[in-house]
Amino acid sequence: MKYGALGTTGLKVSKICLGMMTYGSPSWRPWVLDEAAGRPVVRRAVELGVNFFDTADMYSNGVSEEITGRLLRECFTDRDQYVLATKVFYDVADQASPRPNHSGLSRKHILSAIDASLQRLGLDHVDLYQIHRWDYTTPIEETMQALHDVVRAGKARYIGASSMFAWQFLSAQHHARDAGLTPFVSMQNHYNLAYREEEREMIPLCRAQGVGLIPWSPLARGFLVGNRARDDAERRAAAAASPGSAAGAATSRAATDDLAQKYYYRDSDYAVVEALGRVAAARGLSNATVAYAWLLARGISAPIVGASKLPQIEQAAAAADVELTADEIASLEAPYEPHPVIGHF
């Protein structure tokens, strides 16, 4: 495993970050692994040198944080051996009716949420505390002051942000710096070979400001692996109409992931997968390894990998040692066609 700084900070993170949304409660999402099933994957990631782990308070309604804390204590003897990130914004509990102060980025919610996250994690601090989405109802001044106070209280070492528009991120950074508050050091955005709209504004902005990039969905919700069929939606409908039939989608994630149908599955997206498959076959590597290697070649600090099987984390770790040629990168990027902006809400 190779390591690098997160943006212009002194924080050293592995080139692969293990996304902990995969581990929690299958009752939250059917593809989520429970603690016993997730333990071998997390242990293997640690054996491969991964020291960077990302979760969120709302994953499995808080269970992901509980499992993350326990597994990392099992795998590491020293708290400073690993870098842990979590997020705040959403209501942790699935509720039929809204709970106005249990979500968003108000001072009230942030200060309550960090304490609840630390209790679930069994820790006194996280390394990176991230806002999961932009809050259109809370002044950014209030949010940035609350996040600064979380850092000043020693409950987080750094703060980061996730998907939003570039103007929003810039306004938050400007306010933090003008007011002498803690600025964001990372951006967890939606970026992969099949969705590259972030190259227009957000990624250039982050590079100009020295902000580390840790994108989510680096395999396009599994689409880039190459096992998605154009008729997945029809197959899911047929499977629902005839339980027990062989009409289901290729994987459990594909069978239940309606967002993937909205985000990808265009003809040009399949052309990207085909180009990826050609480069991977010529290299004797998996599609996943090459897709991660492309992100690293684009200057990403660490893609956030969701792994439910040992080969998946091994293929991800292998990407740290793959250097793509300029011709390979050009061939991977050539089929891309612009998409509507997605993933911000």
Protein backbone atom coordinates (compact mmCIF):
# COMPACT_ATOMS: atom_id res chain seq x y z
CA MET A 1 0.00 0.00 0.00
CA LYS A 2 1.08 3.55 -0.71
CA TYR A 3 0.24 6.58 1.40
CA GLY A 4 -0.10 10.27 0.72
CA ALA A 5 -1.22 13.50 2.35
CA LEU A 6 -4.90 14.36 2.44
CA GLY A 7 -4.79 17.53 0.38
CA THR A 8 -2.23 19.95 1.80
CA THR A 9 -2.59 18.68 5.37
CA GLY A 10 0.03 16.62 7.16
CA LEU A 11 -2.45 13.76 7.56
CA LYS A 12 -1.21 10.61 5.81
CA VAL A 13 -3.84 8.29 4.40
CA SER A 14 -3.70 5.06 2.40
CA LYS A 15 -4.40 5.40 -1.31
CA ILE A 16 -7.51 3.30 -0.73
CA CYS A 17 -10.18 4.20 1.84
CA LEU A 18 -12.51 1.45 3.01
CA GLY A 19 -16.12 2.62 2.99
CA MET A 20 -17.92 1.24 6.02
CA MET A 21 -21.46 1.70 4.70
CA THR A 22 -21.19 -1.93 3.56
CA TYR A 23 -21.15 -3.11 7.20
CA GLY A 24 -24.08 -2.69 9.52
CA SER A 25 -27.57 -4.14 9.42
CA PRO A 26 -29.03 -6.01 6.42
CA SER A 27 -32.43 -4.75 7.55
CA TRP A 28 -31.31 -1.26 6.47
CA ARG A 29 -30.23 -2.35 2.96
CA PRO A 30 -30.31 -5.98 1.80
CA TRP A 31 -26.71 -5.89 0.52
CA VAL A 32 -25.26 -4.71 3.86
CA LEU A 33 -23.11 -7.24 5.77
CA ASP A 34 -23.49 -7.81 9.48
CA GLU A 35 -20.49 -7.59 11.80
CA ALA A 36 -19.47 -11.24 11.55
CA ALA A 37 -19.62 -11.23 7.74
CA GLY A 38 -17.79 -7.90 7.46
CA ARG A 39 -14.97 -8.74 9.88
CA PRO A 40 -12.83 -10.77 7.40
CA VAL A 41 -13.01 -8.00 4.79
CA VAL A 42 -11.98 -5.30 7.26
CA ARG A 43 -9.16 -7.47 8.60
CA ARG A 44 -7.92 -8.14 5.07
CA ALA A 45 -7.98 -4.41 4.30
CA VAL A 46 -5.81 -3.77 7.34
CA GLU A 47 -3.42 -6.57 6.30
CA LEU A 48 -3.11 -4.88 2.90
CA GLY A 49 -2.13 -1.59 4.54
CA VAL A 50 -5.39 0.33 4.49
CA ASN A 51 -5.40 2.89 7.30
CA PHE A 52 -8.29 5.11 6.15
CA PHE A 53 -11.93 4.26 6.95
CA ASP A 54 -15.09 6.22 6.18
CA THR A 55 -18.54 5.85 7.71
CA ALA A 56 -21.54 8.07 8.52
CA ASP A 57 -23.97 8.34 11.38
CA MET A 58 -26.96 7.45 9.19
CA TYR A 59 -25.52 4.24 7.72
CA SER A 60 -27.65 1.38 9.05
CA ASN A 61 -29.21 3.93 11.41
CA GLY A 62 -26.03 4.17 13.46
CA VAL A 63 -25.11 0.48 13.46
CA SER A 64 -22.29 1.05 10.95
CA GLU A 65 -20.55 3.39 13.39
CA GLU A 66 -20.93 0.86 16.21
CA ILE A 67 -19.44 -1.93 14.09
CA THR A 68 -16.72 0.33 12.72
CA GLY A 69 -15.57 1.25 16.20
CA ARG A 70 -15.44 -2.35 17.37
CA LEU A 71 -13.68 -3.71 14.29
CA LEU A 72 -11.02 -1.00 14.28
CA ARG A 73 -10.30 -1.60 17.95
CA GLU A 74 -9.86 -5.29 17.12
CA CYS A 75 -7.52 -4.59 14.19
CA PHE A 76 -5.35 -1.81 15.65
CA THR A 77 -3.61 -1.49 18.98
CA ASP A 78 -2.86 2.22 18.60
CA ARG A 79 -5.51 4.86 17.83
CA ASP A 80 -3.01 6.80 15.73
CA GLN A 81 -2.51 3.83 13.41
CA TYR A 82 -5.73 4.59 11.54
CA VAL A 83 -7.65 7.56 10.16
CA LEU A 84 -11.38 7.51 10.77
CA ALA A 85 -13.96 9.69 9.06
CA THR A 86 -17.67 10.00 9.71
CA LYS A 87 -20.42 12.33 8.52
CA VAL A 88 -23.33 14.43 9.74
CA PHE A 89 -26.50 15.70 8.08
CA TYR A 90 -29.23 13.06 7.87
CA ASP A 91 -31.57 11.84 10.59
CA VAL A 92 -30.02 8.68 12.00
CA ALA A 93 -33.36 6.92 12.49
CA ASP A 94 -35.79 6.01 9.73
CA GLN A 95 -38.89 7.98 10.66
CA ALA A 96 -42.34 8.04 9.11
CA SER A 97 -42.73 11.66 10.21
CA PRO A 98 -39.97 14.30 10.13
CA ARG A 99 -37.99 15.24 13.25
CA PRO A 100 -37.01 18.86 12.56
CA ASN A 101 -33.89 19.05 14.76
CA HIS A 102 -32.55 15.58 14.04
CA SER A 103 -31.07 16.44 10.64
CA GLY A 104 -29.37 19.27 8.80
CA LEU A 105 -26.38 21.37 9.76
CA SER A 106 -27.68 23.58 12.53
CA ARG A 107 -25.46 24.16 15.56
CA LYS A 108 -27.92 22.16 17.64
CA HIS A 109 -27.77 19.13 15.37
CA ILE A 110 -24.01 19.18 14.74
CA LEU A 111 -23.09 19.37 18.41
CA SER A 112 -25.55 16.62 19.31
CA ALA A 113 -24.56 14.45 16.35
CA ILE A 114 -20.82 14.47 17.02
CA ASP A 115 -21.39 13.33 20.60
CA ALA A 116 -23.74 10.57 19.46
CA SER A 117 -21.26 9.43 16.80
CA LEU A 118 -18.39 9.29 19.28
CA GLN A 119 -20.52 7.28 21.69
CA ARG A 120 -21.41 4.76 18.98
CA LEU A 121 -17.80 4.57 17.79
CA GLY A 122 -16.45 4.23 21.33
CA LEU A 123 -13.90 6.99 20.71
CA ASP A 124 -13.09 10.44 22.02
CA HIS A 125 -12.45 11.92 18.56
CA VAL A 126 -12.68 11.29 14.84
CA ASP A 127 -9.96 12.33 12.44
CA LEU A 128 -12.26 13.75 9.76
CA TYR A 129 -15.79 15.07 10.41
CA GLN A 130 -17.69 15.69 7.19
CA ILE A 131 -20.95 17.37 6.28
CA HIS A 132 -22.86 14.77 4.28
CA ARG A 133 -24.80 17.27 2.15
CA TRP A 134 -25.47 21.01 1.90
CA ASP A 135 -28.12 22.44 4.21
CA TYR A 136 -30.28 24.96 2.38
CA THR A 137 -32.07 26.02 5.57
CA THR A 138 -29.14 26.84 7.87
CA PRO A 139 -26.81 29.84 7.34
CA ILE A 140 -23.34 28.64 6.41
CA GLU A 141 -21.95 30.95 9.11
CA GLU A 142 -23.73 28.90 11.77
CA THR A 143 -22.56 25.60 10.29
CA MET A 144 -18.90 26.61 9.99
CA GLN A 145 -18.82 28.03 13.52
CA ALA A 146 -20.28 24.81 14.92
CA LEU A 147 -17.78 22.68 13.01
CA HIS A 148 -14.94 24.91 14.21
CA ASP A 149 -16.12 24.42 17.78
CA VAL A 150 -16.13 20.64 17.28
CA VAL A 151 -12.47 20.87 16.24
CA ARG A 152 -11.59 23.25 19.08
CA ALA A 153 -13.20 20.82 21.54
CA GLY A 154 -10.86 18.07 20.32
CA LYS A 155 -13.71 15.92 18.98
CA ALA A 156 -12.44 16.10 15.39
CA ARG A 157 -9.00 16.78 13.96
CA TYR A 158 -10.14 18.01 10.52
CA ILE A 159 -13.40 18.76 8.75
CA GLY A 160 -14.52 17.83 5.24
CA ALA A 161 -17.50 18.14 2.93
CA SER A 162 -19.38 15.93 0.52
CA SER A 163 -21.37 16.42 -2.68
CA MET A 164 -22.51 19.98 -3.35
CA PHE A 165 -22.11 22.66 -5.98
CA ALA A 166 -18.74 24.34 -6.32
CA TRP A 167 -20.14 27.78 -5.44
CA GLN A 168 -21.46 26.37 -2.18
CA PHE A 169 -18.14 24.83 -1.24
CA LEU A 170 -16.30 28.04 -2.11
CA SER A 171 -18.67 30.17 -0.05
CA ALA A 172 -18.10 27.91 2.97
CA GLN A 173 -14.33 28.08 2.53
CA HIS A 174 -14.34 31.84 2.14
CA HIS A 175 -16.43 32.33 5.26
CA ALA A 176 -14.23 30.01 7.32
CA ARG A 177 -11.05 31.78 6.29
CA ASP A 178 -12.47 35.30 6.60
CA ALA A 179 -13.79 34.53 10.09
CA GLY A 180 -10.66 32.69 11.27
CA LEU A 181 -12.52 29.37 11.45
CA THR A 182 -11.48 25.85 10.46
CA PRO A 183 -11.75 25.29 6.66
CA PHE A 184 -12.59 22.05 4.93
CA VAL A 185 -9.59 19.90 3.99
CA SER A 186 -11.40 17.30 1.88
CA MET A 187 -14.24 16.84 -0.59
CA GLN A 188 -16.08 13.52 -0.83
CA ASN A 189 -17.72 13.89 -4.22
CA HIS A 190 -19.38 11.67 -6.82
CA TYR A 191 -16.67 10.83 -9.35
CA ASN A 192 -15.82 7.83 -11.49
CA LEU A 193 -15.22 6.86 -15.12
CA ALA A 194 -18.96 6.85 -15.82
CA TYR A 195 -19.67 10.18 -14.07
CA ARG A 196 -17.12 12.94 -14.61
CA GLU A 197 -19.16 16.12 -14.29
CA GLU A 198 -17.09 17.07 -11.22
CA GLU A 199 -14.21 17.81 -13.60
CA ARG A 200 -16.00 20.99 -14.70
CA GLU A 201 -15.80 23.00 -11.47
CA MET A 202 -15.45 21.12 -8.20
CA ILE A 203 -12.25 19.23 -8.90
CA PRO A 204 -10.36 22.25 -10.33
CA LEU A 205 -11.52 24.27 -7.32
CA CYS A 206 -10.31 21.66 -4.86
CA ARG A 207 -6.96 21.37 -6.60
CA ALA A 208 -6.52 25.15 -6.55
CA GLN A 209 -7.27 25.23 -2.82
CA GLY A 210 -5.24 22.16 -1.86
CA VAL A 211 -8.34 20.19 -0.83
CA GLY A 212 -8.04 16.40 -0.88
CA LEU A 213 -10.46 14.42 -3.06
CA ILE A 214 -11.97 11.22 -1.67
CA PRO A 215 -14.76 10.32 -4.10
CA TRP A 216 -17.65 8.03 -3.33
CA SER A 217 -18.97 5.40 -5.74
CA PRO A 218 -15.64 4.96 -7.56
CA LEU A 219 -17.09 1.94 -9.40
CA ALA A 220 -20.36 3.71 -10.23
CA ARG A 221 -22.32 1.61 -7.74
CA GLY A 222 -20.73 -1.51 -9.23
CA PHE A 223 -21.66 -0.60 -12.81
CA LEU A 224 -18.01 -0.39 -13.92
CA VAL A 225 -17.30 -3.96 -12.82
CA GLY A 226 -18.99 -5.06 -16.03
CA ASN A 227 -21.71 -7.36 -14.72
CA ARG A 228 -24.67 -5.03 -15.24
CA ALA A 229 -27.10 -5.93 -18.01
CA ARG A 230 -29.06 -3.40 -20.01
CA ASP A 231 -32.28 -5.15 -19.04
CA ASP A 232 -31.64 -5.23 -15.26
CA ALA A 233 -34.78 -3.21 -14.58
CA GLU A 234 -36.93 -5.58 -16.61
CA ARG A 235 -35.28 -8.58 -14.97
CA ARG A 236 -35.96 -7.16 -11.52
CA ALA A 237 -39.61 -6.64 -12.42
CA ALA A 238 -39.85 -10.20 -13.72
CA ALA A 239 -38.21 -11.55 -10.57
CA ALA A 240 -40.67 -9.61 -8.40
CA ALA A 241 -43.58 -11.01 -10.40
CA SER A 242 -42.22 -14.56 -10.21
CA PRO A 243 -40.33 -15.09 -6.91
CA GLY A 244 -37.91 -17.98 -7.12
CA SER A 245 -37.41 -17.58 -10.86
CA ALA A 246 -33.98 -17.09 -12.45
CA ALA A 247 -34.91 -13.68 -13.81
CA GLY A 248 -33.10 -11.60 -11.21
CA ALA A 249 -30.35 -9.07 -11.84
CA ALA A 250 -26.68 -10.05 -11.84
CA THR A 251 -25.95 -9.18 -8.21
CA SER A 252 -27.89 -8.41 -5.04
CA ARG A 253 -26.81 -4.77 -5.29
CA ALA A 254 -28.02 -4.56 -8.90
CA ALA A 255 -31.25 -6.25 -7.91
CA THR A 256 -32.12 -3.61 -5.32
CA ASP A 257 -30.29 -0.47 -6.46
CA ASP A 258 -32.83 1.78 -8.17
CA LEU A 259 -30.43 4.75 -8.01
CA ALA A 260 -27.98 3.00 -10.30
CA GLN A 261 -30.73 2.76 -12.92
CA LYS A 262 -31.17 6.53 -12.71
CA TYR A 263 -27.47 7.37 -12.65
CA TYR A 264 -26.05 5.04 -15.30
CA TYR A 265 -27.22 2.45 -17.87
CA ARG A 266 -26.88 4.77 -20.88
CA ASP A 267 -25.39 3.43 -24.11
CA SER A 268 -22.36 5.69 -23.58
CA ASP A 269 -21.95 4.29 -20.05
CA TYR A 270 -21.75 0.79 -21.48
CA ALA A 271 -19.17 2.06 -23.97
CA VAL A 272 -17.09 3.25 -21.00
CA VAL A 273 -17.34 -0.21 -19.44
CA GLU A 274 -16.28 -1.82 -22.71
CA ALA A 275 -13.23 0.44 -22.96
CA LEU A 276 -12.41 -0.32 -19.34
CA GLY A 277 -12.70 -4.05 -20.03
CA ARG A 278 -10.27 -3.82 -22.93
CA VAL A 279 -7.60 -2.04 -20.88
CA ALA A 280 -8.13 -4.41 -17.95
CA ALA A 281 -7.87 -7.51 -20.17
CA ALA A 282 -4.67 -6.25 -21.80
CA ARG A 283 -3.18 -5.66 -18.35
CA GLY A 284 -4.43 -8.94 -16.89
CA LEU A 285 -6.28 -6.97 -14.21
CA SER A 286 -9.88 -6.63 -13.10
CA ASN A 287 -12.12 -3.80 -14.27
CA ALA A 288 -12.24 -2.61 -10.68
CA THR A 289 -8.47 -2.34 -10.29
CA VAL A 290 -8.13 -0.31 -13.48
CA ALA A 291 -11.07 1.95 -12.53
CA TYR A 292 -9.43 2.72 -9.18
CA ALA A 293 -6.04 3.21 -10.87
CA TRP A 294 -7.60 5.75 -13.23
CA LEU A 295 -8.87 7.75 -10.25
CA LEU A 296 -5.44 7.71 -8.63
CA ALA A 297 -3.91 8.82 -11.92
CA ARG A 298 -6.29 11.78 -11.85
CA GLY A 299 -4.82 12.96 -8.56
CA ILE A 300 -7.43 11.56 -6.20
CA SER A 301 -6.24 11.20 -2.59
CA ALA A 302 -8.17 7.98 -1.95
CA PRO A 303 -11.32 6.56 -3.53
CA ILE A 304 -13.83 5.23 -1.01
CA VAL A 305 -14.18 1.52 -1.70
CA GLY A 306 -17.24 -0.51 -0.76
CA ALA A 307 -16.09 -4.13 -0.46
CA SER A 308 -18.27 -7.05 0.58
CA LYS A 309 -15.89 -9.82 -0.52
CA LEU A 310 -12.17 -10.41 -0.03
CA PRO A 311 -11.29 -10.22 -3.77
CA GLN A 312 -12.93 -6.79 -3.95
CA ILE A 313 -10.65 -5.22 -1.36
CA GLU A 314 -7.65 -7.02 -2.86
CA GLN A 315 -8.46 -5.66 -6.32
CA ALA A 316 -8.79 -2.18 -4.85
CA ALA A 317 -5.49 -2.36 -2.99
CA ALA A 318 -3.74 -3.57 -6.15
CA ALA A 319 -4.61 -0.27 -7.85
CA ALA A 320 -2.06 1.59 -5.72
CA ASP A 321 0.71 -0.12 -7.68
CA VAL A 322 -0.77 0.35 -11.18
CA GLU A 323 0.49 3.19 -13.33
CA LEU A 324 -1.62 3.71 -16.42
CA THR A 325 -0.06 5.07 -19.60
CA ALA A 326 -1.28 8.24 -21.27
CA ASP A 327 -2.72 6.15 -24.11
CA GLU A 328 -4.59 3.91 -21.68
CA ILE A 329 -6.05 6.92 -19.87
CA ALA A 330 -7.12 8.47 -23.18
CA SER A 331 -8.84 5.26 -24.27
CA LEU A 332 -10.67 5.00 -20.94
CA GLU A 333 -11.92 8.58 -21.16
CA ALA A 334 -12.82 8.70 -24.87
CA PRO A 335 -16.34 7.16 -24.72
CA TYR A 336 -17.64 9.47 -21.98
CA GLU A 337 -20.67 11.65 -22.68
CA PRO A 338 -21.91 14.40 -20.32
CA HIS A 339 -24.51 13.56 -17.66
CA PRO A 340 -26.98 15.69 -15.75
CA VAL A 341 -25.62 16.71 -12.35
CA ILE A 342 -26.49 13.91 -9.94
CA GLY A 343 -25.64 12.94 -6.39
CA HIS A 344 -25.96 16.32 -4.69
CA PHE A 345 -29.27 15.66 -2.99
